[in-house]
Amino acid sequence: MTNPEAQLTGVVDFPEAGDNVYLKLTTADFLQVQARFGEDWMQKVNHGFDKFDFDVLTAIAELGGKRGGKSQKINIGGIENLTLIDLRDKLRDAYFYAYCGRSFMEQVEFAFKAQADAAAKGEPDDEDDDGSPRNPEASSER
């Protein structure tokens, strides 16, 4: 399900973290993520989402939290009214909107379509080097 406003703005509403709080990652936030997780940061973050790694979830919440256009550090330990899956999905969608302009599921659908189109044309199937999932079932097995 596409959210056109989120696609344009990269914003994921996060009222569970407070009034007018939302998630939006910027280039500066990605630089901090890279500094925190090192050279293979994209792979570590993608795998961290799959494995519900609290270092990853905490980093994305702290860096991506915003209110009124300013940083709003979100303490995920204080969020009681979301399931862990819903929390992870909001954080992952914010990450993917900033990364490629699509939610996680939109990116998975896009990758599957690109894979099917390549197969129909007889092109080889190359996996993404950055850990982005082509196949959501395979992404947690890497």
N, C-alpha and C. Protein backbone atom coordinates (compact mmCIF):
# COMPACT_ATOMS: atom_id res chain seq x y z
N MET A 1 0.85 -1.16 0.00
CA MET A 1 0.00 0.00 0.00
C MET A 1 0.90 1.23 0.00
N THR A 2 0.79 2.04 -1.00
CA THR A 2 1.62 3.22 -1.16
C THR A 2 1.02 4.40 -0.39
N ASN A 3 1.85 5.11 0.31
CA ASN A 3 1.45 6.34 0.99
C ASN A 3 2.11 7.48 0.22
N PRO A 4 1.35 8.14 -0.70
CA PRO A 4 1.96 9.17 -1.55
C PRO A 4 2.62 10.30 -0.77
N GLU A 5 2.02 10.72 0.33
CA GLU A 5 2.62 11.81 1.10
C GLU A 5 3.95 11.38 1.70
N ALA A 6 4.00 10.17 2.23
CA ALA A 6 5.26 9.67 2.80
C ALA A 6 6.31 9.52 1.71
N GLN A 7 5.90 9.07 0.52
CA GLN A 7 6.85 8.94 -0.58
C GLN A 7 7.48 10.28 -0.92
N LEU A 8 6.68 11.32 -0.94
CA LEU A 8 7.20 12.64 -1.30
C LEU A 8 8.05 13.26 -0.20
N THR A 9 7.66 13.04 1.05
CA THR A 9 8.33 13.72 2.15
C THR A 9 9.32 12.84 2.90
N GLY A 10 9.17 11.51 2.80
CA GLY A 10 10.01 10.61 3.56
C GLY A 10 9.64 10.56 5.02
N VAL A 11 8.45 11.05 5.36
CA VAL A 11 8.02 11.15 6.75
C VAL A 11 7.13 9.96 7.11
N VAL A 12 7.41 9.36 8.27
CA VAL A 12 6.57 8.32 8.84
C VAL A 12 6.05 8.87 10.17
N ASP A 13 4.74 9.08 10.26
CA ASP A 13 4.15 9.58 11.50
C ASP A 13 4.44 8.62 12.64
N PHE A 14 4.73 9.19 13.81
CA PHE A 14 5.07 8.37 14.97
C PHE A 14 4.44 8.96 16.23
N PRO A 15 3.10 9.04 16.25
CA PRO A 15 2.42 9.64 17.40
C PRO A 15 2.64 8.87 18.70
N GLU A 16 3.00 7.60 18.61
CA GLU A 16 3.25 6.80 19.81
C GLU A 16 4.43 7.35 20.61
N ALA A 17 5.29 8.13 19.96
CA ALA A 17 6.47 8.71 20.62
C ALA A 17 6.20 10.13 21.13
N GLY A 18 4.99 10.65 20.90
CA GLY A 18 4.65 11.99 21.39
C GLY A 18 3.90 12.79 20.34
N ASP A 19 3.33 13.90 20.78
CA ASP A 19 2.57 14.77 19.89
C ASP A 19 3.48 15.34 18.80
N ASN A 20 3.01 15.24 17.57
CA ASN A 20 3.70 15.80 16.40
C ASN A 20 5.08 15.21 16.16
N VAL A 21 5.34 14.02 16.66
CA VAL A 21 6.62 13.36 16.44
C VAL A 21 6.51 12.49 15.19
N TYR A 22 7.57 12.51 14.39
CA TYR A 22 7.61 11.70 13.18
C TYR A 22 9.04 11.20 12.97
N LEU A 23 9.18 10.28 12.05
CA LEU A 23 10.48 9.74 11.68
C LEU A 23 10.85 10.24 10.29
N LYS A 24 12.04 10.74 10.15
CA LYS A 24 12.56 11.16 8.85
C LYS A 24 14.08 11.17 8.95
N LEU A 25 14.71 10.35 8.16
CA LEU A 25 16.17 10.30 8.16
C LEU A 25 16.72 11.23 7.09
N THR A 26 17.80 11.91 7.41
CA THR A 26 18.46 12.83 6.50
C THR A 26 19.85 12.29 6.16
N THR A 27 20.51 12.93 5.24
CA THR A 27 21.88 12.54 4.91
C THR A 27 22.77 12.65 6.15
N ALA A 28 22.59 13.70 6.93
CA ALA A 28 23.37 13.85 8.16
C ALA A 28 23.11 12.68 9.11
N ASP A 29 21.86 12.22 9.17
CA ASP A 29 21.55 11.06 10.01
C ASP A 29 22.25 9.81 9.50
N PHE A 30 22.25 9.62 8.17
CA PHE A 30 22.94 8.46 7.59
C PHE A 30 24.44 8.50 7.90
N LEU A 31 25.03 9.69 7.89
CA LEU A 31 26.45 9.82 8.24
C LEU A 31 26.70 9.35 9.67
N GLN A 32 25.78 9.67 10.57
CA GLN A 32 25.90 9.23 11.96
C GLN A 32 25.69 7.71 12.09
N VAL A 33 24.76 7.17 11.30
CA VAL A 33 24.55 5.72 11.30
C VAL A 33 25.83 5.03 10.84
N GLN A 34 26.43 5.56 9.77
CA GLN A 34 27.68 4.97 9.26
C GLN A 34 28.78 5.06 10.32
N ALA A 35 28.88 6.18 10.99
CA ALA A 35 29.91 6.32 12.03
C ALA A 35 29.67 5.33 13.17
N ARG A 36 28.43 5.07 13.47
CA ARG A 36 28.09 4.17 14.58
C ARG A 36 28.33 2.70 14.23
N PHE A 37 28.01 2.31 12.98
CA PHE A 37 28.05 0.89 12.61
C PHE A 37 29.21 0.51 11.70
N GLY A 38 29.98 1.47 11.24
CA GLY A 38 31.19 1.17 10.48
C GLY A 38 30.97 1.01 8.99
N GLU A 39 32.01 0.50 8.36
CA GLU A 39 32.08 0.42 6.89
C GLU A 39 30.89 -0.33 6.27
N ASP A 40 30.48 -1.42 6.86
CA ASP A 40 29.37 -2.23 6.32
C ASP A 40 28.04 -1.83 6.94
N TRP A 41 27.86 -0.54 7.20
CA TRP A 41 26.69 -0.07 7.93
C TRP A 41 25.37 -0.44 7.29
N MET A 42 25.27 -0.38 5.96
CA MET A 42 23.99 -0.69 5.31
C MET A 42 23.61 -2.14 5.54
N GLN A 43 24.56 -3.03 5.40
CA GLN A 43 24.28 -4.44 5.62
C GLN A 43 23.93 -4.69 7.09
N LYS A 44 24.67 -4.06 8.00
CA LYS A 44 24.40 -4.23 9.42
C LYS A 44 23.01 -3.73 9.79
N VAL A 45 22.62 -2.59 9.23
CA VAL A 45 21.29 -2.04 9.54
C VAL A 45 20.20 -2.93 8.96
N ASN A 46 20.34 -3.33 7.70
CA ASN A 46 19.33 -4.20 7.09
C ASN A 46 19.19 -5.51 7.86
N HIS A 47 20.30 -6.12 8.22
CA HIS A 47 20.26 -7.37 9.00
C HIS A 47 19.71 -7.10 10.40
N GLY A 48 20.04 -5.93 10.94
CA GLY A 48 19.54 -5.57 12.27
C GLY A 48 18.03 -5.46 12.30
N PHE A 49 17.45 -4.92 11.23
CA PHE A 49 15.98 -4.87 11.16
C PHE A 49 15.41 -6.28 11.14
N ASP A 50 16.00 -7.14 10.34
CA ASP A 50 15.52 -8.53 10.24
C ASP A 50 15.58 -9.25 11.58
N LYS A 51 16.61 -8.96 12.35
CA LYS A 51 16.86 -9.68 13.60
C LYS A 51 16.37 -8.93 14.84
N PHE A 52 15.66 -7.82 14.63
CA PHE A 52 15.17 -6.99 15.74
C PHE A 52 16.32 -6.61 16.68
N ASP A 53 17.44 -6.21 16.08
CA ASP A 53 18.62 -5.80 16.83
C ASP A 53 18.34 -4.44 17.48
N PHE A 54 18.34 -4.41 18.81
CA PHE A 54 17.98 -3.17 19.50
C PHE A 54 19.01 -2.06 19.32
N ASP A 55 20.26 -2.38 19.01
CA ASP A 55 21.23 -1.33 18.69
C ASP A 55 20.80 -0.59 17.43
N VAL A 56 20.35 -1.34 16.43
CA VAL A 56 19.89 -0.74 15.17
C VAL A 56 18.59 0.02 15.39
N LEU A 57 17.62 -0.60 16.04
CA LEU A 57 16.33 0.05 16.26
C LEU A 57 16.50 1.34 17.06
N THR A 58 17.34 1.29 18.09
CA THR A 58 17.58 2.47 18.91
C THR A 58 18.26 3.58 18.11
N ALA A 59 19.26 3.22 17.31
CA ALA A 59 19.97 4.23 16.52
C ALA A 59 19.03 4.93 15.53
N ILE A 60 18.21 4.16 14.84
CA ILE A 60 17.31 4.77 13.85
C ILE A 60 16.28 5.65 14.55
N ALA A 61 15.76 5.20 15.70
CA ALA A 61 14.79 6.01 16.45
C ALA A 61 15.42 7.29 16.96
N GLU A 62 16.62 7.19 17.51
CA GLU A 62 17.28 8.37 18.07
C GLU A 62 17.65 9.38 16.98
N LEU A 63 18.14 8.88 15.86
CA LEU A 63 18.59 9.78 14.79
C LEU A 63 17.44 10.27 13.92
N GLY A 64 16.45 9.41 13.67
CA GLY A 64 15.37 9.75 12.76
C GLY A 64 14.21 10.47 13.38
N GLY A 65 14.14 10.50 14.70
CA GLY A 65 13.04 11.18 15.37
C GLY A 65 13.09 12.68 15.13
N LYS A 66 11.94 13.25 14.77
CA LYS A 66 11.85 14.69 14.50
C LYS A 66 10.54 15.23 15.07
N ARG A 67 10.56 16.51 15.38
CA ARG A 67 9.35 17.25 15.77
C ARG A 67 9.55 18.68 15.30
N GLY A 68 8.63 19.15 14.47
CA GLY A 68 8.74 20.53 13.99
C GLY A 68 10.00 20.79 13.19
N GLY A 69 10.51 19.78 12.50
CA GLY A 69 11.70 19.94 11.68
C GLY A 69 13.00 19.85 12.45
N LYS A 70 12.93 19.63 13.75
CA LYS A 70 14.13 19.53 14.57
C LYS A 70 14.25 18.13 15.13
N SER A 71 15.47 17.74 15.45
CA SER A 71 15.71 16.41 16.00
C SER A 71 14.94 16.23 17.31
N GLN A 72 14.37 15.04 17.45
CA GLN A 72 13.64 14.65 18.66
C GLN A 72 14.07 13.23 18.98
N LYS A 73 15.02 13.10 19.88
CA LYS A 73 15.53 11.78 20.23
C LYS A 73 14.38 10.94 20.81
N ILE A 74 14.16 9.78 20.19
CA ILE A 74 13.08 8.90 20.62
C ILE A 74 13.68 7.75 21.43
N ASN A 75 13.16 7.56 22.63
CA ASN A 75 13.57 6.45 23.49
C ASN A 75 12.59 5.31 23.25
N ILE A 76 13.00 4.28 22.50
CA ILE A 76 12.07 3.20 22.17
C ILE A 76 11.69 2.39 23.40
N GLY A 77 12.49 2.45 24.45
CA GLY A 77 12.14 1.75 25.68
C GLY A 77 10.91 2.32 26.36
N GLY A 78 10.56 3.55 26.02
CA GLY A 78 9.40 4.19 26.63
C GLY A 78 8.13 4.05 25.82
N ILE A 79 8.20 3.34 24.71
CA ILE A 79 7.02 3.18 23.86
C ILE A 79 6.33 1.87 24.22
N GLU A 80 5.14 2.00 24.79
CA GLU A 80 4.43 0.83 25.29
C GLU A 80 3.24 0.43 24.43
N ASN A 81 2.80 1.29 23.54
CA ASN A 81 1.56 1.04 22.81
C ASN A 81 1.78 0.61 21.36
N LEU A 82 2.89 -0.05 21.09
CA LEU A 82 3.17 -0.63 19.78
C LEU A 82 3.75 -2.03 19.97
N THR A 83 3.39 -2.93 19.09
CA THR A 83 4.07 -4.23 19.10
C THR A 83 5.49 -4.02 18.60
N LEU A 84 6.35 -4.93 18.91
CA LEU A 84 7.74 -4.85 18.44
C LEU A 84 7.79 -4.86 16.91
N ILE A 85 6.93 -5.65 16.29
CA ILE A 85 6.90 -5.69 14.82
C ILE A 85 6.48 -4.34 14.26
N ASP A 86 5.45 -3.72 14.84
CA ASP A 86 5.00 -2.41 14.36
C ASP A 86 6.07 -1.35 14.56
N LEU A 87 6.76 -1.40 15.70
CA LEU A 87 7.85 -0.47 15.95
C LEU A 87 8.94 -0.64 14.90
N ARG A 88 9.39 -1.88 14.69
CA ARG A 88 10.42 -2.15 13.69
C ARG A 88 9.98 -1.69 12.30
N ASP A 89 8.73 -1.95 11.95
CA ASP A 89 8.25 -1.58 10.62
C ASP A 89 8.25 -0.07 10.40
N LYS A 90 7.87 0.70 11.39
CA LYS A 90 7.90 2.16 11.26
C LYS A 90 9.33 2.66 11.06
N LEU A 91 10.25 2.12 11.87
CA LEU A 91 11.64 2.53 11.77
C LEU A 91 12.24 2.12 10.43
N ARG A 92 11.92 0.91 9.99
CA ARG A 92 12.45 0.42 8.72
C ARG A 92 11.87 1.20 7.54
N ASP A 93 10.58 1.55 7.61
CA ASP A 93 10.00 2.35 6.54
C ASP A 93 10.67 3.72 6.44
N ALA A 94 10.93 4.35 7.57
CA ALA A 94 11.61 5.65 7.55
C ALA A 94 12.99 5.52 6.91
N TYR A 95 13.69 4.48 7.26
CA TYR A 95 15.02 4.21 6.69
C TYR A 95 14.91 4.02 5.17
N PHE A 96 13.97 3.20 4.73
CA PHE A 96 13.84 2.93 3.30
C PHE A 96 13.33 4.14 2.52
N TYR A 97 12.42 4.94 3.10
CA TYR A 97 11.99 6.16 2.42
C TYR A 97 13.18 7.06 2.16
N ALA A 98 14.06 7.20 3.15
CA ALA A 98 15.23 8.06 2.97
C ALA A 98 16.24 7.44 2.00
N TYR A 99 16.33 6.14 2.01
CA TYR A 99 17.28 5.42 1.17
C TYR A 99 16.87 5.39 -0.30
N CYS A 100 15.59 5.06 -0.57
CA CYS A 100 15.20 4.87 -1.97
C CYS A 100 13.84 5.48 -2.33
N GLY A 101 13.18 6.16 -1.40
CA GLY A 101 11.91 6.81 -1.71
C GLY A 101 10.71 5.86 -1.68
N ARG A 102 10.92 4.67 -1.15
CA ARG A 102 9.84 3.68 -1.04
C ARG A 102 9.86 3.09 0.36
N SER A 103 8.68 2.63 0.82
CA SER A 103 8.64 1.89 2.08
C SER A 103 9.37 0.57 1.87
N PHE A 104 9.59 -0.16 2.95
CA PHE A 104 10.26 -1.45 2.84
C PHE A 104 9.49 -2.37 1.90
N MET A 105 8.19 -2.52 2.12
CA MET A 105 7.41 -3.45 1.28
C MET A 105 7.34 -2.97 -0.17
N GLU A 106 7.29 -1.67 -0.39
CA GLU A 106 7.33 -1.15 -1.76
C GLU A 106 8.66 -1.50 -2.42
N GLN A 107 9.74 -1.43 -1.64
CA GLN A 107 11.06 -1.78 -2.18
C GLN A 107 11.14 -3.27 -2.49
N VAL A 108 10.57 -4.10 -1.62
CA VAL A 108 10.56 -5.54 -1.88
C VAL A 108 9.79 -5.83 -3.17
N GLU A 109 8.60 -5.22 -3.32
CA GLU A 109 7.81 -5.40 -4.54
C GLU A 109 8.58 -4.91 -5.77
N PHE A 110 9.24 -3.76 -5.65
CA PHE A 110 10.03 -3.20 -6.74
C PHE A 110 11.15 -4.16 -7.14
N ALA A 111 11.84 -4.72 -6.13
CA ALA A 111 12.95 -5.64 -6.40
C ALA A 111 12.45 -6.92 -7.06
N PHE A 112 11.31 -7.45 -6.58
CA PHE A 112 10.74 -8.65 -7.20
C PHE A 112 10.38 -8.39 -8.65
N LYS A 113 9.78 -7.23 -8.91
CA LYS A 113 9.40 -6.89 -10.29
C LYS A 113 10.65 -6.75 -11.16
N ALA A 114 11.68 -6.08 -10.65
CA ALA A 114 12.92 -5.93 -11.41
C ALA A 114 13.55 -7.29 -11.68
N GLN A 115 13.50 -8.18 -10.69
CA GLN A 115 14.04 -9.52 -10.84
C GLN A 115 13.25 -10.30 -11.90
N ALA A 116 11.92 -10.19 -11.86
CA ALA A 116 11.08 -10.88 -12.84
C ALA A 116 11.30 -10.31 -14.24
N ASP A 117 11.42 -9.00 -14.35
CA ASP A 117 11.68 -8.37 -15.65
C ASP A 117 13.02 -8.81 -16.21
N ALA A 118 14.04 -8.88 -15.35
CA ALA A 118 15.36 -9.32 -15.79
C ALA A 118 15.32 -10.78 -16.24
N ALA A 119 14.60 -11.60 -15.50
CA ALA A 119 14.50 -13.02 -15.87
C ALA A 119 13.77 -13.17 -17.21
N ALA A 120 12.74 -12.35 -17.43
CA ALA A 120 12.00 -12.41 -18.68
C ALA A 120 12.87 -12.00 -19.86
N LYS A 121 13.85 -11.13 -19.61
CA LYS A 121 14.76 -10.68 -20.65
C LYS A 121 16.00 -11.57 -20.75
N GLY A 122 16.09 -12.56 -19.86
CA GLY A 122 17.25 -13.46 -19.87
C GLY A 122 18.49 -12.86 -19.25
N GLU A 123 18.32 -11.82 -18.44
CA GLU A 123 19.46 -11.18 -17.78
C GLU A 123 19.79 -11.93 -16.49
N PRO A 124 21.06 -11.89 -16.07
CA PRO A 124 21.43 -12.58 -14.83
C PRO A 124 20.80 -11.91 -13.62
N ASP A 125 20.60 -12.69 -12.57
CA ASP A 125 20.04 -12.19 -11.32
C ASP A 125 21.17 -11.85 -10.37
N ASP A 126 21.44 -10.57 -10.20
CA ASP A 126 22.50 -10.12 -9.28
C ASP A 126 21.87 -9.69 -7.97
N GLU A 127 22.44 -10.15 -6.87
CA GLU A 127 21.98 -9.70 -5.56
C GLU A 127 22.54 -8.32 -5.30
N ASP A 128 21.81 -7.55 -4.50
CA ASP A 128 22.28 -6.24 -4.09
C ASP A 128 23.46 -6.42 -3.14
N ASP A 129 24.50 -5.61 -3.33
CA ASP A 129 25.68 -5.69 -2.48
C ASP A 129 25.47 -5.02 -1.13
N ASP A 130 24.46 -4.15 -1.01
CA ASP A 130 24.28 -3.38 0.21
C ASP A 130 23.39 -4.06 1.24
N GLY A 131 22.97 -5.29 0.96
CA GLY A 131 22.12 -5.99 1.91
C GLY A 131 20.65 -5.72 1.72
N SER A 132 20.28 -4.90 0.72
CA SER A 132 18.86 -4.65 0.46
C SER A 132 18.21 -5.94 0.00
N PRO A 133 17.08 -6.27 0.57
CA PRO A 133 16.47 -7.57 0.27
C PRO A 133 15.86 -7.63 -1.11
N ARG A 134 16.20 -8.65 -1.85
CA ARG A 134 15.52 -8.98 -3.09
C ARG A 134 14.37 -9.91 -2.75
N ASN A 135 14.65 -10.83 -1.83
CA ASN A 135 13.68 -11.81 -1.42
C ASN A 135 13.56 -11.70 0.10
N PRO A 136 12.41 -11.24 0.63
CA PRO A 136 12.32 -11.00 2.07
C PRO A 136 12.57 -12.26 2.89
N GLU A 137 12.22 -13.45 2.37
CA GLU A 137 12.48 -14.66 3.11
C GLU A 137 13.97 -14.96 3.18
N ALA A 138 14.71 -14.62 2.14
CA ALA A 138 16.15 -14.88 2.10
C ALA A 138 16.93 -13.83 2.88
N SER A 139 16.37 -12.64 3.08
CA SER A 139 17.13 -11.57 3.68
C SER A 139 17.54 -11.90 5.12
N SER A 140 16.75 -12.65 5.84
CA SER A 140 17.11 -12.97 7.22
C SER A 140 18.06 -14.16 7.28
N GLU A 141 18.29 -14.82 6.16
CA GLU A 141 19.18 -15.98 6.13
C GLU A 141 20.61 -15.60 5.74
N ARG A 142 20.84 -14.40 5.35
CA ARG A 142 22.19 -13.99 4.91
C ARG A 142 23.14 -13.93 6.05
